Structure formats: C-alpha cells, structure tokens
C-alpha cells in the first residue's frame, strides 16, 4: 500500500471515529509535512512549529476532507499555507524552486520593487471576485476556507447541510478560479 492509500485509509477511519487510526495518521503525516515545509525554504529550526500548526489545522479541518478525493494534496496544501504563514512572520517570502540545493545556494533578498502593488491589485481582484459570488457560495468560502471552520460548525452557523456547503464551496472555488485567471479583457492570463 503506497503512502497516499495508507494515509487516506487512516483519515477515513479517523473520520469514522477510530482514535487509534487517527493517532497513527497524525504520526504518519509528520514526515510529509516536514518535507513540504523544507521544500519551501523554511529554516530547520522552524519546521517543528509548522508541523505542529499543520497538525492542529488538520485536526480542526479533518471533517472537510472528502474521502473521494486524494489525501496527500489536501495535507500538502495545509502544510504549504502554514509554512507561508511562518515565512511571513519572519518577513520572508516562500521559495519558488523545488530543488533542495537551490534553497541553500540562494539568499532571500526580500521583496522586489512593485511587489506591494501586485499584492494590492491581486487583493482588489480577489475582493471583487468574492463580492460577485452568490451569497451562499461566498458564505461557504468565508466559513470553510477563510475561517477554517469544520463542516459541522459551518452547517450549524448557516443552517445548511454539509452536502450543500460542499457544493457551494466547490462552485465558489471554480468561479473564483475562473475570475482570477482572466485579466480585465476576459482573456486567460
């Protein structure tokens, strides 16, 4: 059984309430998370903190993982976000390269001129795209994506079923992806 299958089976069992499988899953996730953090250029002394933050996020968001989808991309996305958070706290930018040797060879020179303008423009486009979403889709993104609430919490807050929230989130992400991959003229960037 490969890593994906093993971790996905562990998460399915954990979602069904198997505490021992959940503990084993979290332990098996540690090397995957650590590797993802190192690939982004996180200093070795910060890796353990990111692993712990990622495991906490996995715990809070464990009900949002869809057993029909692969587990490793879901886990790596969370690890990447926690790593970026750690790098931002240090005032550093994540590295683009996936070559471990490149991380040691290049110094981080900080932001490039105009980066602030790009981020503001990206933020403006994201805010506009979020505002254009139907209310139920926007709420799903806010609760599940931005606030990182579980499906159960979001369902209780919105009064909608977990299935409806998943559908709303999927449609919202698809619409946001489409809106953000186009420039002002509607052509793909």
N, C-alpha and C. Protein backbone atom coordinates (compact mmCIF):
# COMPACT_ATOMS: atom_id res chain seq x y z
N UNK A 1 0.85 -1.17 0.00
CA UNK A 1 0.00 0.00 0.00
C UNK A 1 0.90 1.24 0.00
N UNK A 2 0.67 2.17 -0.95
CA UNK A 2 1.52 3.36 -1.02
C UNK A 2 1.08 4.39 0.04
N UNK A 3 1.86 5.46 0.16
CA UNK A 3 1.61 6.47 1.19
C UNK A 3 0.22 7.08 1.05
N UNK A 4 -0.17 7.43 -0.16
CA UNK A 4 -1.50 8.02 -0.38
C UNK A 4 -2.60 7.09 0.13
N UNK A 5 -2.54 5.84 -0.27
CA UNK A 5 -3.58 4.89 0.13
C UNK A 5 -3.59 4.68 1.65
N UNK A 6 -2.40 4.59 2.24
CA UNK A 6 -2.29 4.37 3.68
C UNK A 6 -2.85 5.56 4.46
N UNK A 7 -2.46 6.78 4.05
CA UNK A 7 -2.94 7.97 4.76
C UNK A 7 -4.43 8.19 4.54
N UNK A 8 -4.89 7.96 3.31
CA UNK A 8 -6.32 8.13 3.03
C UNK A 8 -7.15 7.14 3.85
N UNK A 9 -6.68 5.89 3.95
CA UNK A 9 -7.39 4.88 4.75
C UNK A 9 -7.40 5.30 6.22
N UNK A 10 -6.28 5.83 6.70
CA UNK A 10 -6.22 6.30 8.08
C UNK A 10 -7.17 7.45 8.34
N UNK A 11 -7.27 8.37 7.39
CA UNK A 11 -8.18 9.51 7.56
C UNK A 11 -9.64 9.06 7.51
N UNK A 12 -9.94 8.13 6.61
CA UNK A 12 -11.32 7.60 6.57
C UNK A 12 -11.68 6.97 7.91
N UNK A 13 -10.78 6.16 8.44
CA UNK A 13 -11.03 5.52 9.74
C UNK A 13 -11.16 6.57 10.84
N UNK A 14 -10.32 7.61 10.78
CA UNK A 14 -10.39 8.68 11.78
C UNK A 14 -11.72 9.41 11.69
N UNK A 15 -12.18 9.68 10.47
CA UNK A 15 -13.47 10.36 10.30
C UNK A 15 -14.61 9.48 10.83
N UNK A 16 -14.41 8.16 10.84
CA UNK A 16 -15.42 7.25 11.37
C UNK A 16 -15.29 7.06 12.88
N UNK A 17 -14.34 7.77 13.50
CA UNK A 17 -14.23 7.75 14.95
C UNK A 17 -13.18 6.83 15.53
N UNK A 18 -12.30 6.28 14.72
CA UNK A 18 -11.25 5.37 15.20
C UNK A 18 -10.08 6.21 15.74
N UNK A 19 -9.99 6.33 17.06
CA UNK A 19 -8.98 7.18 17.69
C UNK A 19 -7.56 6.65 17.44
N UNK A 20 -7.38 5.35 17.48
CA UNK A 20 -6.04 4.78 17.25
C UNK A 20 -5.59 5.05 15.82
N UNK A 21 -6.50 4.92 14.86
CA UNK A 21 -6.15 5.21 13.46
C UNK A 21 -5.81 6.68 13.30
N UNK A 22 -6.51 7.54 14.04
CA UNK A 22 -6.26 8.98 13.96
C UNK A 22 -4.87 9.32 14.50
N UNK A 23 -4.50 8.72 15.63
CA UNK A 23 -3.15 8.95 16.18
C UNK A 23 -2.08 8.47 15.21
N UNK A 24 -2.30 7.29 14.62
CA UNK A 24 -1.34 6.75 13.64
C UNK A 24 -1.27 7.65 12.41
N UNK A 25 -2.41 8.15 11.97
CA UNK A 25 -2.44 9.06 10.81
C UNK A 25 -1.61 10.31 11.09
N UNK A 26 -1.84 10.94 12.24
CA UNK A 26 -1.11 12.17 12.57
C UNK A 26 0.39 11.91 12.62
N UNK A 27 0.78 10.79 13.20
CA UNK A 27 2.22 10.44 13.25
C UNK A 27 2.78 10.23 11.85
N UNK A 28 2.01 9.60 10.97
CA UNK A 28 2.47 9.35 9.61
C UNK A 28 2.51 10.62 8.78
N UNK A 29 1.75 11.63 9.17
CA UNK A 29 1.73 12.90 8.43
C UNK A 29 2.97 13.76 8.72
N UNK A 30 3.60 13.55 9.86
CA UNK A 30 4.73 14.40 10.27
C UNK A 30 5.83 14.48 9.21
N UNK A 31 6.35 13.36 8.67
CA UNK A 31 7.43 13.50 7.68
C UNK A 31 6.96 14.17 6.39
N UNK A 32 5.71 13.97 6.00
CA UNK A 32 5.18 14.61 4.79
C UNK A 32 5.13 16.12 4.98
N UNK A 33 4.64 16.55 6.14
CA UNK A 33 4.53 17.98 6.44
C UNK A 33 5.92 18.61 6.52
N UNK A 34 6.83 17.94 7.21
CA UNK A 34 8.19 18.47 7.37
C UNK A 34 8.86 18.62 6.00
N UNK A 35 8.69 17.64 5.14
CA UNK A 35 9.29 17.72 3.80
C UNK A 35 8.70 18.88 3.01
N UNK A 36 7.39 19.07 3.11
CA UNK A 36 6.74 20.18 2.39
C UNK A 36 7.26 21.52 2.90
N UNK A 37 7.45 21.64 4.20
CA UNK A 37 7.95 22.90 4.78
C UNK A 37 9.39 23.16 4.34
N UNK A 38 10.21 22.12 4.35
CA UNK A 38 11.61 22.29 3.92
C UNK A 38 11.71 22.67 2.45
N UNK A 39 10.82 22.09 1.61
CA UNK A 39 10.84 22.41 0.18
C UNK A 39 10.56 23.88 -0.07
N UNK A 40 9.82 24.51 0.83
CA UNK A 40 9.50 25.93 0.66
C UNK A 40 10.57 26.83 1.26
N UNK A 41 11.62 26.26 1.77
CA UNK A 41 12.73 27.05 2.27
C UNK A 41 12.62 27.44 3.73
N UNK A 42 11.81 26.74 4.49
CA UNK A 42 11.68 27.05 5.92
C UNK A 42 12.95 26.63 6.65
N UNK A 43 13.50 27.49 7.49
CA UNK A 43 14.70 27.11 8.24
C UNK A 43 14.43 25.88 9.11
N UNK A 44 15.43 25.03 9.27
CA UNK A 44 15.25 23.78 10.03
C UNK A 44 14.71 23.99 11.44
N UNK A 45 15.10 25.09 12.10
CA UNK A 45 14.63 25.31 13.47
C UNK A 45 13.16 25.73 13.54
N UNK A 46 12.52 26.00 12.40
CA UNK A 46 11.11 26.37 12.36
C UNK A 46 10.20 25.23 11.93
N UNK A 47 10.78 24.14 11.43
CA UNK A 47 9.99 23.06 10.85
C UNK A 47 9.06 22.43 11.88
N UNK A 48 9.55 22.17 13.10
CA UNK A 48 8.71 21.53 14.11
C UNK A 48 7.47 22.37 14.43
N UNK A 49 7.64 23.70 14.49
CA UNK A 49 6.49 24.57 14.77
C UNK A 49 5.46 24.47 13.66
N UNK A 50 5.91 24.46 12.42
CA UNK A 50 4.98 24.36 11.29
C UNK A 50 4.31 22.99 11.28
N UNK A 51 5.04 21.95 11.63
CA UNK A 51 4.43 20.62 11.71
C UNK A 51 3.30 20.64 12.73
N UNK A 52 3.54 21.23 13.90
CA UNK A 52 2.51 21.27 14.94
C UNK A 52 1.31 22.11 14.50
N UNK A 53 1.57 23.27 13.89
CA UNK A 53 0.47 24.12 13.41
C UNK A 53 -0.34 23.40 12.34
N UNK A 54 0.35 22.69 11.47
CA UNK A 54 -0.34 21.95 10.41
C UNK A 54 -1.19 20.84 11.00
N UNK A 55 -0.65 20.11 11.97
CA UNK A 55 -1.43 19.04 12.60
C UNK A 55 -2.67 19.60 13.30
N UNK A 56 -2.54 20.77 13.92
CA UNK A 56 -3.70 21.41 14.54
C UNK A 56 -4.75 21.78 13.49
N UNK A 57 -4.29 22.30 12.37
CA UNK A 57 -5.22 22.65 11.29
C UNK A 57 -5.89 21.40 10.73
N UNK A 58 -5.12 20.32 10.56
CA UNK A 58 -5.69 19.06 10.10
C UNK A 58 -6.77 18.61 11.09
N UNK A 59 -6.48 18.74 12.37
CA UNK A 59 -7.45 18.33 13.39
C UNK A 59 -8.74 19.16 13.28
N UNK A 60 -8.58 20.47 13.14
CA UNK A 60 -9.76 21.34 13.05
C UNK A 60 -10.53 21.12 11.75
N UNK A 61 -9.82 20.81 10.68
CA UNK A 61 -10.45 20.72 9.36
C UNK A 61 -10.67 19.29 8.89
N UNK A 62 -10.47 18.31 9.76
CA UNK A 62 -10.50 16.91 9.32
C UNK A 62 -11.82 16.50 8.69
N UNK A 63 -12.90 17.11 9.08
CA UNK A 63 -14.20 16.75 8.51
C UNK A 63 -14.41 17.35 7.12
N UNK A 64 -13.54 18.27 6.71
CA UNK A 64 -13.69 18.87 5.38
C UNK A 64 -13.05 18.03 4.29
N UNK A 65 -12.19 17.07 4.69
CA UNK A 65 -11.57 16.22 3.67
C UNK A 65 -12.63 15.29 3.10
N UNK A 66 -12.70 15.24 1.80
CA UNK A 66 -13.65 14.39 1.09
C UNK A 66 -12.97 13.05 0.78
N UNK A 67 -13.47 11.95 1.32
CA UNK A 67 -12.84 10.64 1.09
C UNK A 67 -12.77 10.24 -0.38
N UNK A 68 -13.55 10.88 -1.23
CA UNK A 68 -13.49 10.57 -2.66
C UNK A 68 -12.30 11.26 -3.33
N UNK A 69 -11.64 12.16 -2.62
CA UNK A 69 -10.51 12.91 -3.17
C UNK A 69 -9.20 12.41 -2.56
N UNK A 70 -8.06 12.65 -3.23
CA UNK A 70 -6.77 12.23 -2.68
C UNK A 70 -6.46 12.99 -1.37
N UNK A 71 -5.81 12.32 -0.46
CA UNK A 71 -5.48 12.90 0.83
C UNK A 71 -4.21 13.76 0.79
N UNK A 72 -3.16 13.27 0.13
CA UNK A 72 -1.87 13.98 0.15
C UNK A 72 -1.95 15.41 -0.38
N UNK A 73 -2.64 15.70 -1.48
CA UNK A 73 -2.72 17.10 -1.91
C UNK A 73 -3.42 17.99 -0.88
N UNK A 74 -4.43 17.45 -0.21
CA UNK A 74 -5.14 18.18 0.84
C UNK A 74 -4.18 18.50 1.99
N UNK A 75 -3.43 17.49 2.42
CA UNK A 75 -2.47 17.68 3.51
C UNK A 75 -1.37 18.66 3.11
N UNK A 76 -0.83 18.48 1.91
CA UNK A 76 0.26 19.36 1.47
C UNK A 76 -0.20 20.80 1.31
N UNK A 77 -1.44 21.01 0.90
CA UNK A 77 -1.97 22.38 0.78
C UNK A 77 -2.03 23.04 2.15
N UNK A 78 -2.46 22.30 3.15
CA UNK A 78 -2.49 22.85 4.51
C UNK A 78 -1.07 23.14 4.99
N UNK A 79 -0.16 22.21 4.76
CA UNK A 79 1.24 22.40 5.18
C UNK A 79 1.85 23.61 4.48
N UNK A 80 1.54 23.77 3.20
CA UNK A 80 2.07 24.91 2.46
C UNK A 80 1.56 26.22 3.06
N UNK A 81 0.27 26.27 3.38
CA UNK A 81 -0.29 27.50 3.96
C UNK A 81 0.34 27.82 5.32
N UNK A 82 0.53 26.81 6.15
CA UNK A 82 1.14 27.06 7.46
C UNK A 82 2.61 27.48 7.29
N UNK A 83 3.30 26.93 6.29
CA UNK A 83 4.69 27.32 6.03
C UNK A 83 4.75 28.76 5.56
N UNK A 84 3.86 29.13 4.66
CA UNK A 84 3.83 30.52 4.18
C UNK A 84 3.55 31.46 5.34
N UNK A 85 2.64 31.07 6.23
CA UNK A 85 2.37 31.89 7.42
C UNK A 85 3.64 32.09 8.24
N UNK A 86 4.38 31.01 8.45
CA UNK A 86 5.61 31.09 9.24
C UNK A 86 6.64 31.98 8.54
N UNK A 87 6.78 31.83 7.23
CA UNK A 87 7.73 32.66 6.50
C UNK A 87 7.33 34.13 6.54
N UNK A 88 6.05 34.40 6.47
CA UNK A 88 5.58 35.79 6.56
C UNK A 88 5.88 36.38 7.93
N UNK A 89 5.70 35.58 8.97
CA UNK A 89 6.01 36.07 10.32
C UNK A 89 7.49 36.44 10.42
N UNK A 90 8.33 35.76 9.66
CA UNK A 90 9.77 36.04 9.65
C UNK A 90 10.11 37.17 8.69
N UNK A 91 9.13 37.61 7.92
CA UNK A 91 9.39 38.64 6.92
C UNK A 91 10.04 38.08 5.67
N UNK A 92 9.88 36.80 5.42
CA UNK A 92 10.48 36.17 4.24
C UNK A 92 9.40 35.72 3.30
N UNK A 93 9.80 35.52 2.06
CA UNK A 93 8.88 35.01 1.04
C UNK A 93 9.18 33.55 0.78
N UNK A 94 8.14 32.74 0.51
CA UNK A 94 8.41 31.33 0.19
C UNK A 94 9.20 31.21 -1.11
N UNK A 95 9.99 30.20 -1.17
CA UNK A 95 10.80 29.97 -2.37
C UNK A 95 9.95 29.32 -3.44
N UNK A 96 10.27 29.63 -4.69
CA UNK A 96 9.55 29.08 -5.83
C UNK A 96 10.10 27.73 -6.25
N UNK A 97 11.39 27.54 -6.12
CA UNK A 97 12.05 26.33 -6.59
C UNK A 97 11.69 25.13 -5.73
N UNK A 98 11.76 23.93 -6.32
CA UNK A 98 11.54 22.71 -5.56
C UNK A 98 12.83 21.92 -5.45
N UNK A 99 13.95 22.58 -5.71
CA UNK A 99 15.26 21.94 -5.63
C UNK A 99 15.85 22.23 -4.25
N UNK A 100 16.03 21.22 -3.39
CA UNK A 100 16.55 21.46 -2.05
C UNK A 100 17.90 22.16 -2.04
N UNK A 101 18.75 21.87 -3.02
CA UNK A 101 20.06 22.52 -3.07
C UNK A 101 19.91 24.01 -3.37
N UNK A 102 18.92 24.38 -4.16
CA UNK A 102 18.71 25.78 -4.50
C UNK A 102 18.39 26.60 -3.27
N UNK A 103 17.75 26.00 -2.28
CA UNK A 103 17.41 26.75 -1.07
C UNK A 103 18.66 27.18 -0.32
N UNK A 104 19.65 26.32 -0.30
CA UNK A 104 20.87 26.65 0.41
C UNK A 104 21.75 27.60 -0.40
N UNK A 105 21.62 27.58 -1.72
CA UNK A 105 22.51 28.35 -2.58
C UNK A 105 22.08 29.81 -2.74
N UNK A 106 20.80 30.11 -2.53
CA UNK A 106 20.30 31.45 -2.79
C UNK A 106 19.89 32.14 -1.50
N UNK A 107 20.33 33.38 -1.36
CA UNK A 107 19.90 34.19 -0.21
C UNK A 107 18.55 34.82 -0.54
N UNK A 108 17.74 35.04 0.48
CA UNK A 108 16.45 35.71 0.29
C UNK A 108 16.70 37.21 0.35
N UNK A 109 16.53 37.87 -0.79
CA UNK A 109 16.80 39.31 -0.88
C UNK A 109 15.60 40.15 -0.51
N UNK A 110 14.51 39.55 -0.07
CA UNK A 110 13.33 40.30 0.31
C UNK A 110 12.47 40.62 -0.90
N UNK A 111 11.44 41.44 -0.69
CA UNK A 111 10.51 41.74 -1.78
C UNK A 111 11.15 42.56 -2.89
N UNK A 112 10.67 42.33 -4.08
CA UNK A 112 11.13 43.08 -5.24
C UNK A 112 10.35 44.38 -5.36
N UNK A 113 10.90 45.39 -6.04
CA UNK A 113 10.15 46.62 -6.25
C UNK A 113 8.85 46.32 -6.98
N UNK A 114 7.78 46.93 -6.50
CA UNK A 114 6.48 46.74 -7.14
C UNK A 114 5.68 45.59 -6.58
N UNK A 115 6.28 44.76 -5.71
CA UNK A 115 5.54 43.63 -5.14
C UNK A 115 4.31 44.10 -4.39
N UNK A 116 4.41 45.19 -3.67
CA UNK A 116 3.26 45.71 -2.93
C UNK A 116 2.12 46.07 -3.86
N UNK A 117 2.44 46.63 -5.03
CA UNK A 117 1.40 46.99 -5.99
C UNK A 117 0.72 45.75 -6.53
N UNK A 118 1.50 44.73 -6.84
CA UNK A 118 0.92 43.48 -7.33
C UNK A 118 0.00 42.86 -6.30
N UNK A 119 0.45 42.83 -5.04
CA UNK A 119 -0.38 42.24 -3.98
C UNK A 119 -1.67 43.02 -3.80
N UNK A 120 -1.59 44.35 -3.86
CA UNK A 120 -2.81 45.16 -3.73
C UNK A 120 -3.76 44.89 -4.88
N UNK A 121 -3.19 44.79 -6.09
CA UNK A 121 -4.03 44.52 -7.26
C UNK A 121 -4.66 43.13 -7.15
N UNK A 122 -3.86 42.14 -6.72
CA UNK A 122 -4.39 40.79 -6.53
C UNK A 122 -5.49 40.79 -5.48
N UNK A 123 -5.26 41.50 -4.40
CA UNK A 123 -6.27 41.57 -3.32
C UNK A 123 -7.54 42.24 -3.83
N UNK A 124 -7.40 43.31 -4.59
CA UNK A 124 -8.57 44.01 -5.14
C UNK A 124 -9.36 43.07 -6.04
N UNK A 125 -8.64 42.31 -6.89
CA UNK A 125 -9.32 41.37 -7.78
C UNK A 125 -10.02 40.27 -6.99
N UNK A 126 -9.37 39.78 -5.93
CA UNK A 126 -9.98 38.74 -5.11
C UNK A 126 -11.23 39.26 -4.40
N UNK A 127 -11.14 40.45 -3.83
CA UNK A 127 -12.30 41.04 -3.15
C UNK A 127 -13.46 41.21 -4.13
N UNK A 128 -13.16 41.69 -5.34
CA UNK A 128 -14.21 41.88 -6.35
C UNK A 128 -14.80 40.53 -6.76
N UNK A 129 -13.95 39.52 -6.93
CA UNK A 129 -14.45 38.20 -7.32
C UNK A 129 -15.30 37.59 -6.20
N UNK A 130 -14.89 37.77 -4.95
CA UNK A 130 -15.68 37.27 -3.81
C UNK A 130 -17.03 37.99 -3.75
N UNK A 131 -17.02 39.30 -3.98
CA UNK A 131 -18.26 40.08 -3.91
C UNK A 131 -19.24 39.65 -5.01
N UNK A 132 -18.72 39.16 -6.13
CA UNK A 132 -19.57 38.76 -7.25
C UNK A 132 -20.20 37.38 -7.04
N UNK A 133 -19.72 36.63 -6.05
CA UNK A 133 -20.27 35.30 -5.80
C UNK A 133 -21.68 35.41 -5.21
N UNK A 134 -22.53 34.43 -5.52
CA UNK A 134 -23.82 34.37 -4.82
C UNK A 134 -23.58 34.24 -3.32
N UNK A 135 -24.52 34.72 -2.54
CA UNK A 135 -24.35 34.78 -1.08
C UNK A 135 -23.98 33.43 -0.46
N UNK A 136 -24.65 32.36 -0.85
CA UNK A 136 -24.39 31.05 -0.25
C UNK A 136 -22.97 30.56 -0.57
N UNK A 137 -22.50 30.83 -1.77
CA UNK A 137 -21.14 30.44 -2.14
C UNK A 137 -20.12 31.27 -1.36
N UNK A 138 -20.39 32.57 -1.26
CA UNK A 138 -19.48 33.45 -0.52
C UNK A 138 -19.40 33.01 0.95
N UNK A 139 -20.54 32.68 1.55
CA UNK A 139 -20.54 32.22 2.94
C UNK A 139 -19.75 30.92 3.10
N UNK A 140 -19.88 30.01 2.15
CA UNK A 140 -19.14 28.76 2.22
C UNK A 140 -17.64 29.01 2.20
N UNK A 141 -17.18 29.92 1.33
CA UNK A 141 -15.75 30.26 1.28
C UNK A 141 -15.31 30.91 2.59
N UNK A 142 -16.12 31.82 3.09
CA UNK A 142 -15.76 32.53 4.32
C UNK A 142 -15.66 31.57 5.51
N UNK A 143 -16.64 30.68 5.65
CA UNK A 143 -16.65 29.77 6.81
C UNK A 143 -15.64 28.64 6.67
N UNK A 144 -15.63 27.96 5.53
CA UNK A 144 -14.79 26.78 5.37
C UNK A 144 -13.37 27.11 4.95
N UNK A 145 -13.21 28.10 4.08
CA UNK A 145 -11.88 28.42 3.56
C UNK A 145 -11.14 29.43 4.40
N UNK A 146 -11.78 30.58 4.64
CA UNK A 146 -11.08 31.66 5.33
C UNK A 146 -11.03 31.46 6.85
N UNK A 147 -12.16 31.09 7.45
CA UNK A 147 -12.19 30.91 8.90
C UNK A 147 -11.78 29.49 9.30
N UNK A 148 -11.60 28.59 8.31
CA UNK A 148 -11.17 27.21 8.54
C UNK A 148 -12.07 26.49 9.54
N UNK A 149 -13.37 26.74 9.44
CA UNK A 149 -14.31 26.03 10.30
C UNK A 149 -14.55 24.63 9.73
N UNK A 150 -14.97 23.73 10.58
CA UNK A 150 -15.32 22.38 10.11
C UNK A 150 -16.67 22.45 9.41
N UNK A 151 -16.99 21.42 8.66
CA UNK A 151 -18.29 21.36 8.01
C UNK A 151 -19.42 21.40 9.04
N UNK A 152 -19.23 20.72 10.16
CA UNK A 152 -20.26 20.72 11.20
C UNK A 152 -20.48 22.14 11.74
N UNK A 153 -19.39 22.86 12.02
CA UNK A 153 -19.52 24.23 12.53
C UNK A 153 -20.20 25.13 11.51
N UNK A 154 -19.75 25.04 10.25
CA UNK A 154 -20.32 25.90 9.21
C UNK A 154 -21.80 25.57 8.99
N UNK A 155 -22.15 24.29 9.05
CA UNK A 155 -23.55 23.90 8.89
C UNK A 155 -24.40 24.47 10.01
N UNK A 156 -23.88 24.42 11.24
CA UNK A 156 -24.62 24.97 12.37
C UNK A 156 -24.80 26.48 12.24
N UNK A 157 -23.77 27.16 11.77
CA UNK A 157 -23.84 28.63 11.63
C UNK A 157 -24.74 29.08 10.49
N UNK A 158 -24.75 28.32 9.41
CA UNK A 158 -25.51 28.75 8.22
C UNK A 158 -26.89 28.11 8.13
N UNK A 159 -27.10 27.02 8.86
CA UNK A 159 -28.37 26.31 8.77
C UNK A 159 -28.51 25.45 7.51
N UNK A 160 -27.39 25.22 6.84
CA UNK A 160 -27.40 24.39 5.64
C UNK A 160 -26.76 23.04 5.92
N UNK A 161 -27.05 22.08 5.06
CA UNK A 161 -26.47 20.75 5.23
C UNK A 161 -24.99 20.79 4.84
N UNK A 162 -24.25 19.78 5.32
CA UNK A 162 -22.83 19.69 4.96
C UNK A 162 -22.68 19.48 3.46
N UNK A 163 -23.56 18.69 2.86
CA UNK A 163 -23.51 18.46 1.42
C UNK A 163 -23.72 19.75 0.64
N UNK A 164 -24.68 20.56 1.08
CA UNK A 164 -24.93 21.84 0.41
C UNK A 164 -23.73 22.76 0.53
N UNK A 165 -23.10 22.76 1.70
CA UNK A 165 -21.91 23.60 1.89
C UNK A 165 -20.77 23.15 0.99
N UNK A 166 -20.58 21.84 0.84
CA UNK A 166 -19.53 21.32 -0.04
C UNK A 166 -19.78 21.75 -1.49
N UNK A 167 -21.05 21.64 -1.91
CA UNK A 167 -21.40 22.05 -3.28
C UNK A 167 -21.16 23.54 -3.45
N UNK A 168 -21.61 24.34 -2.47
CA UNK A 168 -21.40 25.80 -2.54
C UNK A 168 -19.93 26.15 -2.60
N UNK A 169 -19.11 25.48 -1.78
CA UNK A 169 -17.68 25.75 -1.78
C UNK A 169 -17.05 25.37 -3.11
N UNK A 170 -17.40 24.20 -3.62
CA UNK A 170 -16.84 23.75 -4.90
C UNK A 170 -17.18 24.75 -6.01
N UNK A 171 -18.43 25.16 -6.08
CA UNK A 171 -18.85 26.10 -7.12
C UNK A 171 -18.18 27.46 -6.94
N UNK A 172 -18.04 27.89 -5.69
CA UNK A 172 -17.39 29.17 -5.43
C UNK A 172 -15.93 29.15 -5.86
N UNK A 173 -15.22 28.07 -5.51
CA UNK A 173 -13.81 27.98 -5.88
C UNK A 173 -13.64 27.92 -7.39
N UNK A 174 -14.53 27.23 -8.06
CA UNK A 174 -14.48 27.17 -9.52
C UNK A 174 -14.70 28.56 -10.12
N UNK A 175 -15.68 29.30 -9.58
CA UNK A 175 -15.96 30.65 -10.07
C UNK A 175 -14.80 31.60 -9.77
N UNK A 176 -14.22 31.49 -8.58
CA UNK A 176 -13.08 32.35 -8.22
C UNK A 176 -11.88 32.04 -9.11
N UNK A 177 -11.63 30.76 -9.32
CA UNK A 177 -10.50 30.37 -10.19
C UNK A 177 -10.68 30.98 -11.58
N UNK A 178 -11.90 30.87 -12.12
CA UNK A 178 -12.17 31.42 -13.45
C UNK A 178 -12.01 32.94 -13.46
N UNK A 179 -12.50 33.60 -12.43
CA UNK A 179 -12.44 35.06 -12.37
C UNK A 179 -10.99 35.55 -12.22
N UNK A 180 -10.20 34.82 -11.47
CA UNK A 180 -8.84 35.27 -11.16
C UNK A 180 -7.82 34.86 -12.22
N UNK A 181 -8.18 33.97 -13.14
CA UNK A 181 -7.24 33.60 -14.19
C UNK A 181 -7.49 34.42 -15.46
N UNK A 182 -8.35 35.37 -15.38
CA UNK A 182 -8.61 36.25 -16.52
C UNK A 182 -8.14 37.66 -16.19
N UNK A 183 -7.63 38.36 -17.20
CA UNK A 183 -7.29 39.75 -16.97
C UNK A 183 -8.54 40.59 -17.22
N UNK A 184 -8.45 41.87 -17.20
CA UNK A 184 -9.60 42.76 -17.38
C UNK A 184 -10.34 42.56 -18.67
N UNK A 185 -9.69 42.07 -19.74
CA UNK A 185 -10.33 41.91 -21.04
C UNK A 185 -11.06 40.58 -21.17
N UNK A 186 -10.90 39.70 -20.18
CA UNK A 186 -11.57 38.41 -20.22
C UNK A 186 -10.71 37.33 -20.84
N UNK A 187 -9.51 37.66 -21.30
CA UNK A 187 -8.62 36.66 -21.88
C UNK A 187 -7.85 35.97 -20.77
N UNK A 188 -7.55 34.70 -20.97
CA UNK A 188 -6.75 33.98 -19.96
C UNK A 188 -5.38 34.59 -19.88
N UNK A 189 -4.88 34.69 -18.65
CA UNK A 189 -3.55 35.24 -18.42
C UNK A 189 -2.52 34.18 -18.62
